[in-house]
């Protein structure tokens, strides 16, 4: 990354840090873009260079947590951890963000799955998560832990659906239980299967 790219990424992170602070202090809906740029000590135009809206900031914060969970999963896999445990760790780490940020999770999931920022999709970041998860699944298949008659991408998409659906239903049902426990329970149910053996 060159100096200009580092500066650009630094400014983007300043916006995300300011937004995180304000969202926690005032709530997502109450915090304004003007307050975010004021807190980050930036011009409003600079905000719009990096983000099209406050919703896009929220999406970037959510995806930042997903990327951190992916990096942690890669480290575990490279360290020799069982792929099944690595997948569970990824699910738990990703769901933990929702558990710790229920108001942001509510704002994110009530906007629907099409909400993931277009720029992230355009940059290939969303596809990169799927690719890495497919790699973990393929490792599980190679070790005989997961079915090999399904391709790794299909299984990874099922896992991603499980993860996002568990969090979305948790939000819509009023966040009554632990979303981390819900995701873990659903994952184990998928692994064991729903048909009587």
Protein backbone atom coordinates (compact mmCIF):
# COMPACT_ATOMS: atom_id res chain seq x y z
CA UNK A 1 0.00 0.00 0.00
CA UNK A 2 1.47 3.36 -1.08
CA UNK A 3 1.51 6.55 0.98
CA UNK A 4 -1.65 7.93 -0.67
CA UNK A 5 -3.54 4.67 -0.11
CA UNK A 6 -2.39 4.57 3.52
CA UNK A 7 -3.59 8.13 4.05
CA UNK A 8 -6.94 7.34 2.41
CA UNK A 9 -7.38 4.22 4.56
CA UNK A 10 -6.38 6.22 7.66
CA UNK A 11 -9.08 8.80 6.92
CA UNK A 12 -11.62 6.05 6.35
CA UNK A 13 -10.70 4.50 9.71
CA UNK A 14 -11.02 7.92 11.39
CA UNK A 15 -14.58 8.14 10.08
CA UNK A 16 -15.38 4.62 11.28
CA UNK A 17 -13.90 5.32 14.74
CA UNK A 18 -15.87 8.55 15.07
CA UNK A 19 -19.05 6.80 13.93
CA UNK A 20 -18.50 3.94 16.38
CA UNK A 21 -18.09 6.43 19.23
CA UNK A 22 -21.20 8.39 18.28
CA UNK A 23 -23.35 5.32 17.62
CA UNK A 24 -22.51 4.04 21.11
CA UNK A 25 -23.04 7.43 22.72
CA UNK A 26 -26.19 8.61 20.91
CA UNK A 27 -27.51 5.57 19.06
CA UNK A 28 -27.37 4.85 15.34
CA UNK A 29 -30.56 6.63 14.35
CA UNK A 30 -29.83 9.77 16.43
CA UNK A 31 -26.23 10.26 15.29
CA UNK A 32 -25.91 12.46 12.20
CA UNK A 33 -23.33 12.65 9.44
CA UNK A 34 -22.55 16.21 10.55
CA UNK A 35 -21.72 14.91 14.02
CA UNK A 36 -19.58 12.10 12.59
CA UNK A 37 -17.50 14.50 10.49
CA UNK A 38 -17.24 16.89 13.44
CA UNK A 39 -16.04 14.11 15.72
CA UNK A 40 -13.52 12.95 13.08
CA UNK A 41 -12.47 16.59 12.43
CA UNK A 42 -13.03 16.25 8.69
CA UNK A 43 -14.87 18.13 5.97
CA UNK A 44 -18.27 16.75 4.94
CA UNK A 45 -16.98 16.23 1.40
CA UNK A 46 -14.29 13.94 2.77
CA UNK A 47 -17.00 11.80 4.37
CA UNK A 48 -18.83 11.51 1.05
CA UNK A 49 -15.61 10.60 -0.74
CA UNK A 50 -15.43 7.47 1.44
CA UNK A 51 -19.09 6.71 2.18
CA UNK A 52 -22.34 7.49 0.40
CA UNK A 53 -24.46 7.46 3.56
CA UNK A 54 -24.60 6.67 7.25
CA UNK A 55 -26.05 3.28 6.28
CA UNK A 56 -22.91 2.56 4.31
CA UNK A 57 -20.80 3.38 7.38
CA UNK A 58 -22.87 0.86 9.33
CA UNK A 59 -22.30 -1.75 6.63
CA UNK A 60 -18.57 -1.08 6.68
CA UNK A 61 -18.46 -1.46 10.47
CA UNK A 62 -20.34 -4.75 10.22
CA UNK A 63 -18.08 -6.01 7.50
CA UNK A 64 -14.97 -4.95 9.39
CA UNK A 65 -16.02 -7.33 12.18
CA UNK A 66 -16.61 -10.10 9.63
CA UNK A 67 -13.13 -9.57 8.17
CA UNK A 68 -11.62 -9.80 11.67
CA UNK A 69 -13.47 -13.09 12.20
CA UNK A 70 -12.13 -14.35 8.86
CA UNK A 71 -8.54 -13.44 9.80
CA UNK A 72 -8.94 -15.23 13.13
CA UNK A 73 -10.33 -18.29 11.34
CA UNK A 74 -7.40 -18.33 8.90
CA UNK A 75 -4.95 -18.18 11.81
CA UNK A 76 -6.67 -21.12 13.51
CA UNK A 77 -6.70 -23.16 10.30
CA UNK A 78 -3.02 -22.47 9.63
CA UNK A 79 -2.30 -23.44 13.25
CA UNK A 80 -3.75 -26.90 12.65
CA UNK A 81 -7.15 -26.47 14.33
CA UNK A 82 -9.94 -28.78 13.14
CA UNK A 83 -11.82 -27.15 10.22
CA UNK A 84 -15.15 -27.85 11.96
CA UNK A 85 -13.93 -25.93 15.01
CA UNK A 86 -12.57 -23.16 12.79
CA UNK A 87 -15.98 -22.74 11.14
CA UNK A 88 -17.69 -22.62 14.55
CA UNK A 89 -15.15 -20.06 15.76
CA UNK A 90 -15.85 -17.91 12.67
CA UNK A 91 -19.61 -18.13 13.32
CA UNK A 92 -19.22 -17.26 17.01
CA UNK A 93 -16.85 -14.36 16.34
CA UNK A 94 -19.17 -12.93 13.70
CA UNK A 95 -22.30 -13.30 15.85
CA UNK A 96 -20.51 -11.75 18.84
CA UNK A 97 -20.58 -8.38 17.06
CA UNK A 98 -24.39 -8.54 16.97
CA UNK A 99 -24.52 -9.62 20.61
CA UNK A 100 -22.28 -6.71 21.66
CA UNK A 101 -23.94 -4.14 19.35
CA UNK A 102 -27.65 -4.99 19.40
CA UNK A 103 -28.81 -1.56 18.20
CA UNK A 104 -26.41 -1.65 15.25
CA UNK A 105 -27.37 -5.25 14.51
CA UNK A 106 -31.03 -4.19 14.53
CA UNK A 107 -30.30 -1.32 12.13
CA UNK A 108 -28.25 -3.61 9.89
CA UNK A 109 -30.65 -6.56 9.66
CA UNK A 110 -33.84 -4.51 9.35
CA UNK A 111 -32.37 -3.00 6.19
CA UNK A 112 -32.26 -6.44 4.54
CA UNK A 113 -29.57 -8.61 2.92
CA UNK A 114 -29.25 -6.26 -0.07
CA UNK A 115 -27.88 -3.71 2.38
CA UNK A 116 -24.24 -4.88 2.28
CA UNK A 117 -22.38 -1.88 0.86
CA UNK A 118 -22.06 -1.84 -2.91
CA UNK A 119 -18.47 -0.69 -2.67
CA UNK A 120 -17.51 -3.75 -0.63
CA UNK A 121 -19.12 -6.00 -3.21
CA UNK A 122 -17.42 -4.07 -6.01
CA UNK A 123 -14.05 -4.39 -4.26
CA UNK A 124 -14.53 -8.15 -4.10
CA UNK A 125 -14.47 -8.22 -0.29
CA UNK A 126 -17.79 -10.06 0.02
CA UNK A 127 -16.65 -12.70 -2.47
CA UNK A 128 -13.32 -12.97 -0.62
CA UNK A 129 -15.09 -14.01 2.59
CA UNK A 130 -16.97 -16.72 0.71
CA UNK A 131 -13.73 -17.89 -0.91
CA UNK A 132 -11.92 -18.17 2.43
CA UNK A 133 -14.84 -20.00 4.02
CA UNK A 134 -14.88 -22.37 1.02
CA UNK A 135 -11.18 -23.02 1.64
CA UNK A 136 -11.89 -23.95 5.26
CA UNK A 137 -14.73 -26.22 4.12
CA UNK A 138 -12.44 -27.85 1.54
CA UNK A 139 -9.92 -28.54 4.31
CA UNK A 140 -12.73 -30.22 6.28
CA UNK A 141 -13.61 -32.30 3.23
CA UNK A 142 -9.97 -33.31 2.71
CA UNK A 143 -9.83 -34.47 6.34
CA UNK A 144 -13.06 -36.46 5.95
CA UNK A 145 -15.01 -34.22 8.35
CA UNK A 146 -17.47 -32.85 5.80
CA UNK A 147 -19.32 -34.40 2.88
CA UNK A 148 -17.34 -34.42 -0.33
CA UNK A 149 -20.34 -35.02 -2.62
CA UNK A 150 -21.22 -31.32 -2.23
CA UNK A 151 -18.81 -28.71 -3.51
CA UNK A 152 -17.12 -26.49 -0.92
CA UNK A 153 -18.79 -23.33 -2.22
CA UNK A 154 -22.28 -24.80 -1.76
CA UNK A 155 -21.51 -25.76 1.84
CA UNK A 156 -19.95 -22.35 2.54
CA UNK A 157 -23.08 -20.62 1.21
CA UNK A 158 -25.26 -22.76 3.49
CA UNK A 159 -23.07 -21.75 6.46
CA UNK A 160 -23.26 -18.06 5.51
CA UNK A 161 -27.06 -18.33 5.19
CA UNK A 162 -27.27 -20.00 8.61
CA UNK A 163 -25.14 -17.24 10.14
CA UNK A 164 -27.06 -14.30 8.70
CA UNK A 165 -30.50 -15.86 9.15
CA UNK A 166 -29.80 -16.71 12.80
CA UNK A 167 -28.80 -13.10 13.48
CA UNK A 168 -31.70 -11.63 11.51
CA UNK A 169 -34.31 -13.77 13.31
CA UNK A 170 -32.66 -12.91 16.64
CA UNK A 171 -33.20 -9.23 15.85
CA UNK A 172 -36.78 -9.69 14.61
CA UNK A 173 -37.73 -11.82 17.62
CA UNK A 174 -36.62 -9.12 20.03
CA UNK A 175 -33.12 -10.33 20.96
CA UNK A 176 -34.52 -12.52 23.75
CA UNK A 177 -31.76 -15.11 23.84
CA UNK A 178 -28.04 -15.19 23.06
CA UNK A 179 -27.40 -14.90 19.33
CA UNK A 180 -24.02 -16.58 19.83
CA UNK A 181 -25.73 -19.61 21.40
CA UNK A 182 -28.35 -19.59 18.65
CA UNK A 183 -25.74 -19.63 15.89
CA UNK A 184 -23.75 -22.38 17.65
CA UNK A 185 -26.88 -24.48 18.19
CA UNK A 186 -27.98 -24.13 14.57
CA UNK A 187 -24.50 -25.00 13.31
CA UNK A 188 -24.39 -28.17 15.40
CA UNK A 189 -27.87 -29.10 14.19
CA UNK A 190 -26.73 -28.72 10.56
CA UNK A 191 -23.63 -30.82 11.22
CA UNK A 192 -25.65 -33.61 12.86
CA UNK A 193 -28.46 -33.41 10.28
CA UNK A 194 -32.20 -33.25 10.81
CA UNK A 195 -33.08 -36.72 9.55
CA UNK A 196 -33.23 -39.62 11.98
CA UNK A 197 -30.29 -41.92 11.25
